[in-house]
């Protein structure tokens, strides 16, 4: 004989609350914050502070702005490095040509 678990019907008040937190996005944000904590390589000393920082939308905006500034700075740095790279390539090309001219025996 197989035994089946029967679940009591969900209380309508609880079901309404579940729908509310799901529609409002609260459940998703909490889940994302918890998943982020779970995926950390090293566990933070204060899990509550970590959770708050991941959960608080205001900190997201601040973090987002900081990331935008950092991205812009990295883009400028990349552009400068590309220019430097191109200059070095040109210098190397000239150096190789000059070395080839010097290395040729005179006739």
N, C-alpha and C. Protein backbone atom coordinates (compact mmCIF):
# COMPACT_ATOMS: atom_id res chain seq x y z
N UNK A 1 0.84 -1.17 0.00
CA UNK A 1 0.00 0.00 0.00
C UNK A 1 0.89 1.25 0.00
N UNK A 2 0.60 2.14 -0.89
CA UNK A 2 1.38 3.36 -1.02
C UNK A 2 0.75 4.45 -0.18
N UNK A 3 1.61 5.15 0.51
CA UNK A 3 1.09 6.24 1.33
C UNK A 3 1.37 7.56 0.61
N UNK A 4 0.39 8.36 0.50
CA UNK A 4 0.53 9.66 -0.15
C UNK A 4 0.43 10.74 0.91
N UNK A 5 1.29 11.70 0.73
CA UNK A 5 1.19 12.84 1.65
C UNK A 5 0.07 13.74 1.19
N UNK A 6 -0.73 14.11 2.07
CA UNK A 6 -1.78 15.06 1.72
C UNK A 6 -1.45 16.38 2.39
N UNK A 7 -1.60 17.40 1.62
CA UNK A 7 -1.31 18.72 2.14
C UNK A 7 -2.61 19.42 2.49
N UNK A 8 -2.58 20.08 3.61
CA UNK A 8 -3.75 20.84 4.02
C UNK A 8 -3.90 22.02 3.07
N UNK A 9 -5.10 22.40 2.78
CA UNK A 9 -5.29 23.56 1.90
C UNK A 9 -4.61 24.78 2.51
N UNK A 10 -3.99 25.55 1.64
CA UNK A 10 -3.28 26.74 2.09
C UNK A 10 -4.29 27.77 2.57
N UNK A 11 -4.01 28.29 3.71
CA UNK A 11 -4.86 29.33 4.28
C UNK A 11 -4.92 30.49 3.30
N UNK A 12 -6.10 31.00 3.04
CA UNK A 12 -6.25 32.06 2.03
C UNK A 12 -5.47 33.32 2.40
N UNK A 13 -5.34 33.60 3.68
CA UNK A 13 -4.58 34.77 4.10
C UNK A 13 -3.10 34.59 3.75
N UNK A 14 -2.59 33.39 3.97
CA UNK A 14 -1.20 33.11 3.64
C UNK A 14 -0.99 33.16 2.12
N UNK A 15 -1.94 32.62 1.40
CA UNK A 15 -1.85 32.62 -0.06
C UNK A 15 -1.88 34.04 -0.61
N UNK A 16 -2.74 34.88 -0.05
CA UNK A 16 -2.80 36.28 -0.46
C UNK A 16 -1.46 36.98 -0.19
N UNK A 17 -0.87 36.69 0.96
CA UNK A 17 0.41 37.30 1.31
C UNK A 17 1.50 36.83 0.35
N UNK A 18 1.52 35.53 0.04
CA UNK A 18 2.50 34.99 -0.89
C UNK A 18 2.39 35.67 -2.24
N UNK A 19 1.16 35.84 -2.71
CA UNK A 19 0.94 36.51 -4.00
C UNK A 19 1.42 37.96 -3.94
N UNK A 20 1.16 38.61 -2.82
CA UNK A 20 1.56 40.00 -2.63
C UNK A 20 3.09 40.15 -2.72
N UNK A 21 3.82 39.32 -1.98
CA UNK A 21 5.29 39.47 -2.01
C UNK A 21 5.87 39.02 -3.35
N UNK A 22 5.17 38.15 -4.02
CA UNK A 22 5.64 37.74 -5.34
C UNK A 22 5.41 38.85 -6.37
N UNK A 23 4.21 39.45 -6.36
CA UNK A 23 3.89 40.52 -7.31
C UNK A 23 4.76 41.76 -7.08
N UNK A 24 5.04 42.05 -5.82
CA UNK A 24 5.80 43.25 -5.50
C UNK A 24 7.29 43.12 -5.83
N UNK A 25 7.74 41.90 -6.10
CA UNK A 25 9.14 41.69 -6.42
C UNK A 25 10.00 41.42 -5.19
N UNK A 26 9.38 41.46 -4.03
CA UNK A 26 10.12 41.24 -2.79
C UNK A 26 10.73 39.84 -2.74
N UNK A 27 9.96 38.86 -3.11
CA UNK A 27 10.44 37.48 -3.07
C UNK A 27 11.65 37.30 -4.00
N UNK A 28 11.58 37.89 -5.17
CA UNK A 28 12.69 37.77 -6.12
C UNK A 28 13.95 38.45 -5.59
N UNK A 29 13.80 39.65 -5.02
CA UNK A 29 14.97 40.36 -4.49
C UNK A 29 15.59 39.62 -3.32
N UNK A 30 14.74 39.08 -2.46
CA UNK A 30 15.27 38.31 -1.33
C UNK A 30 16.02 37.08 -1.83
N UNK A 31 15.45 36.43 -2.82
CA UNK A 31 16.09 35.24 -3.37
C UNK A 31 17.43 35.59 -4.00
N UNK A 32 17.47 36.68 -4.77
CA UNK A 32 18.73 37.10 -5.39
C UNK A 32 19.79 37.43 -4.35
N UNK A 33 19.38 38.11 -3.27
CA UNK A 33 20.33 38.45 -2.21
C UNK A 33 20.86 37.19 -1.53
N UNK A 34 19.99 36.24 -1.28
CA UNK A 34 20.42 34.99 -0.64
C UNK A 34 21.31 34.16 -1.57
N UNK A 35 20.97 34.12 -2.84
CA UNK A 35 21.79 33.38 -3.80
C UNK A 35 23.17 34.03 -3.90
N UNK A 36 23.21 35.35 -3.91
CA UNK A 36 24.48 36.07 -3.97
C UNK A 36 25.34 35.72 -2.75
N UNK A 37 24.73 35.68 -1.59
CA UNK A 37 25.44 35.31 -0.37
C UNK A 37 25.95 33.88 -0.46
N UNK A 38 25.13 33.00 -0.96
CA UNK A 38 25.51 31.59 -1.11
C UNK A 38 26.70 31.42 -2.05
N UNK A 39 26.75 32.22 -3.11
CA UNK A 39 27.78 32.08 -4.13
C UNK A 39 29.10 32.77 -3.79
N UNK A 40 29.14 33.51 -2.69
CA UNK A 40 30.37 34.17 -2.28
C UNK A 40 31.45 33.13 -1.99
N UNK A 41 32.67 33.41 -2.46
CA UNK A 41 33.79 32.50 -2.20
C UNK A 41 34.10 32.46 -0.71
N UNK A 42 34.17 33.64 -0.12
CA UNK A 42 34.44 33.75 1.31
C UNK A 42 33.20 34.34 1.98
N UNK A 43 32.76 33.72 3.01
CA UNK A 43 31.57 34.19 3.72
C UNK A 43 31.89 35.50 4.45
N UNK A 44 31.03 36.50 4.31
CA UNK A 44 31.26 37.76 5.01
C UNK A 44 31.08 37.57 6.52
N UNK A 45 31.78 38.39 7.28
CA UNK A 45 31.67 38.29 8.74
C UNK A 45 30.26 38.63 9.20
N UNK A 46 29.67 39.64 8.59
CA UNK A 46 28.33 40.06 8.99
C UNK A 46 27.36 39.75 7.85
N UNK A 47 26.70 38.63 7.95
CA UNK A 47 25.78 38.19 6.89
C UNK A 47 24.60 39.13 6.75
N UNK A 48 24.15 39.70 7.85
CA UNK A 48 22.99 40.60 7.80
C UNK A 48 23.36 41.87 7.03
N UNK A 49 24.53 42.43 7.32
CA UNK A 49 24.96 43.64 6.60
C UNK A 49 25.13 43.33 5.11
N UNK A 50 25.68 42.18 4.81
CA UNK A 50 25.85 41.77 3.41
C UNK A 50 24.49 41.68 2.73
N UNK A 51 23.56 41.02 3.40
CA UNK A 51 22.21 40.84 2.85
C UNK A 51 21.56 42.20 2.62
N UNK A 52 21.68 43.09 3.59
CA UNK A 52 21.09 44.43 3.45
C UNK A 52 21.70 45.17 2.26
N UNK A 53 23.01 45.05 2.10
CA UNK A 53 23.66 45.78 1.00
C UNK A 53 23.22 45.24 -0.35
N UNK A 54 22.93 43.97 -0.44
CA UNK A 54 22.46 43.37 -1.69
C UNK A 54 20.97 43.59 -1.90
N UNK A 55 20.27 43.76 -0.83
CA UNK A 55 18.82 43.84 -0.88
C UNK A 55 18.32 45.27 -1.07
N UNK A 56 19.05 46.22 -0.54
CA UNK A 56 18.62 47.61 -0.52
C UNK A 56 18.76 48.24 -1.91
N UNK A 57 17.63 48.61 -2.54
CA UNK A 57 17.70 49.20 -3.88
C UNK A 57 18.48 50.52 -3.92
N UNK A 58 18.49 51.28 -2.81
CA UNK A 58 19.25 52.53 -2.80
C UNK A 58 20.74 52.26 -2.96
N UNK A 59 21.22 51.20 -2.33
CA UNK A 59 22.64 50.87 -2.48
C UNK A 59 22.93 50.40 -3.89
N UNK A 60 21.94 49.83 -4.56
CA UNK A 60 22.12 49.40 -5.94
C UNK A 60 22.37 50.60 -6.83
N UNK A 61 21.60 51.67 -6.61
CA UNK A 61 21.77 52.87 -7.43
C UNK A 61 23.15 53.47 -7.21
N UNK A 62 23.57 53.53 -5.95
CA UNK A 62 24.89 54.05 -5.63
C UNK A 62 25.95 53.18 -6.26
N UNK A 63 25.77 51.89 -6.12
CA UNK A 63 26.72 50.94 -6.69
C UNK A 63 26.72 51.04 -8.22
N UNK A 64 25.55 51.23 -8.79
CA UNK A 64 25.42 51.35 -10.24
C UNK A 64 26.16 52.59 -10.74
N UNK A 65 26.01 53.69 -10.04
CA UNK A 65 26.71 54.92 -10.43
C UNK A 65 28.22 54.74 -10.31
N UNK A 66 28.66 54.09 -9.25
CA UNK A 66 30.09 53.84 -9.07
C UNK A 66 30.62 52.96 -10.20
N UNK A 67 29.84 51.98 -10.58
CA UNK A 67 30.26 51.09 -11.67
C UNK A 67 30.33 51.84 -13.00
N UNK A 68 29.38 52.75 -13.22
CA UNK A 68 29.40 53.54 -14.46
C UNK A 68 30.66 54.41 -14.51
N UNK A 69 31.02 55.02 -13.38
CA UNK A 69 32.22 55.85 -13.33
C UNK A 69 33.46 54.99 -13.57
N UNK A 70 33.50 53.83 -12.94
CA UNK A 70 34.64 52.94 -13.11
C UNK A 70 34.75 52.46 -14.56
N UNK A 71 33.61 52.15 -15.16
CA UNK A 71 33.60 51.72 -16.55
C UNK A 71 34.15 52.81 -17.46
N UNK A 72 33.73 54.04 -17.24
CA UNK A 72 34.20 55.15 -18.05
C UNK A 72 35.71 55.34 -17.88
N UNK A 73 36.18 55.21 -16.65
CA UNK A 73 37.61 55.34 -16.37
C UNK A 73 38.40 54.23 -17.08
N UNK A 74 37.89 53.02 -17.03
CA UNK A 74 38.56 51.89 -17.68
C UNK A 74 38.55 52.07 -19.20
N UNK A 75 37.46 52.59 -19.73
CA UNK A 75 37.41 52.84 -21.18
C UNK A 75 38.46 53.86 -21.60
N UNK A 76 38.60 54.94 -20.80
CA UNK A 76 39.63 55.95 -21.11
C UNK A 76 41.02 55.33 -21.05
N UNK A 77 41.23 54.52 -20.02
CA UNK A 77 42.53 53.86 -19.87
C UNK A 77 42.80 52.93 -21.05
N UNK A 78 41.78 52.20 -21.48
CA UNK A 78 41.93 51.31 -22.63
C UNK A 78 42.29 52.10 -23.88
N UNK A 79 41.62 53.22 -24.07
CA UNK A 79 41.89 54.06 -25.24
C UNK A 79 43.33 54.56 -25.22
N UNK A 80 43.79 55.00 -24.04
CA UNK A 80 45.18 55.46 -23.91
C UNK A 80 46.16 54.33 -24.21
N UNK A 81 45.86 53.14 -23.71
CA UNK A 81 46.75 52.00 -23.95
C UNK A 81 46.76 51.59 -25.42
N UNK A 82 45.61 51.71 -26.08
CA UNK A 82 45.57 51.40 -27.51
C UNK A 82 46.42 52.38 -28.31
N UNK A 83 46.36 53.65 -27.94
CA UNK A 83 47.18 54.66 -28.61
C UNK A 83 48.66 54.35 -28.38
N UNK A 84 49.00 54.06 -27.13
CA UNK A 84 50.40 53.73 -26.80
C UNK A 84 50.85 52.48 -27.57
N UNK A 85 49.99 51.51 -27.65
CA UNK A 85 50.29 50.27 -28.37
C UNK A 85 50.57 50.56 -29.85
N UNK A 86 49.72 51.37 -30.45
CA UNK A 86 49.91 51.72 -31.87
C UNK A 86 51.22 52.48 -32.08
N UNK A 87 51.55 53.40 -31.16
CA UNK A 87 52.81 54.13 -31.28
C UNK A 87 54.00 53.19 -31.17
N UNK A 88 53.93 52.26 -30.24
CA UNK A 88 55.03 51.30 -30.08
C UNK A 88 55.17 50.40 -31.30
N UNK A 89 54.04 50.02 -31.88
CA UNK A 89 54.10 49.20 -33.10
C UNK A 89 54.77 49.98 -34.23
N UNK A 90 54.43 51.27 -34.34
CA UNK A 90 55.04 52.10 -35.38
C UNK A 90 56.54 52.24 -35.14
N UNK A 91 56.92 52.44 -33.87
CA UNK A 91 58.34 52.57 -33.55
C UNK A 91 59.08 51.27 -33.84
N UNK A 92 58.46 50.15 -33.52
CA UNK A 92 59.09 48.86 -33.81
C UNK A 92 59.25 48.66 -35.30
N UNK A 93 58.22 49.03 -36.06
CA UNK A 93 58.29 48.87 -37.51
C UNK A 93 59.43 49.72 -38.07
N UNK A 94 59.58 50.93 -37.59
CA UNK A 94 60.68 51.79 -38.04
C UNK A 94 62.02 51.20 -37.63
N UNK A 95 62.08 50.68 -36.42
CA UNK A 95 63.32 50.08 -35.92
C UNK A 95 63.71 48.87 -36.72
N UNK A 96 62.75 48.06 -37.10
CA UNK A 96 63.03 46.87 -37.90
C UNK A 96 63.51 47.28 -39.27
N UNK A 97 62.90 48.29 -39.85
CA UNK A 97 63.31 48.76 -41.17
C UNK A 97 64.72 49.34 -41.08
N UNK A 98 64.99 50.14 -40.06
CA UNK A 98 66.32 50.74 -39.91
C UNK A 98 67.37 49.66 -39.70
N UNK A 99 67.06 48.64 -38.88
CA UNK A 99 68.00 47.55 -38.64
C UNK A 99 68.27 46.80 -39.93
N UNK A 100 67.24 46.60 -40.73
CA UNK A 100 67.40 45.87 -42.00
C UNK A 100 68.30 46.66 -42.95
N UNK A 101 68.15 47.97 -42.96
CA UNK A 101 68.98 48.81 -43.83
C UNK A 101 70.42 48.78 -43.36
N UNK A 102 70.65 48.85 -42.07
CA UNK A 102 71.99 48.84 -41.51
C UNK A 102 72.63 47.47 -41.71
N UNK A 103 71.87 46.42 -41.62
CA UNK A 103 72.40 45.06 -41.70
C UNK A 103 72.78 44.65 -43.12
N UNK A 104 72.26 45.33 -44.12
CA UNK A 104 72.59 44.97 -45.51
C UNK A 104 74.04 45.32 -45.80
N UNK A 105 74.74 44.40 -46.43
CA UNK A 105 76.14 44.70 -46.78
C UNK A 105 76.21 45.75 -47.90
N UNK A 106 77.19 46.60 -47.79
CA UNK A 106 77.35 47.63 -48.82
C UNK A 106 78.08 47.04 -50.01
N UNK A 107 77.69 47.43 -51.18
CA UNK A 107 78.33 46.91 -52.39
C UNK A 107 79.11 47.96 -53.08
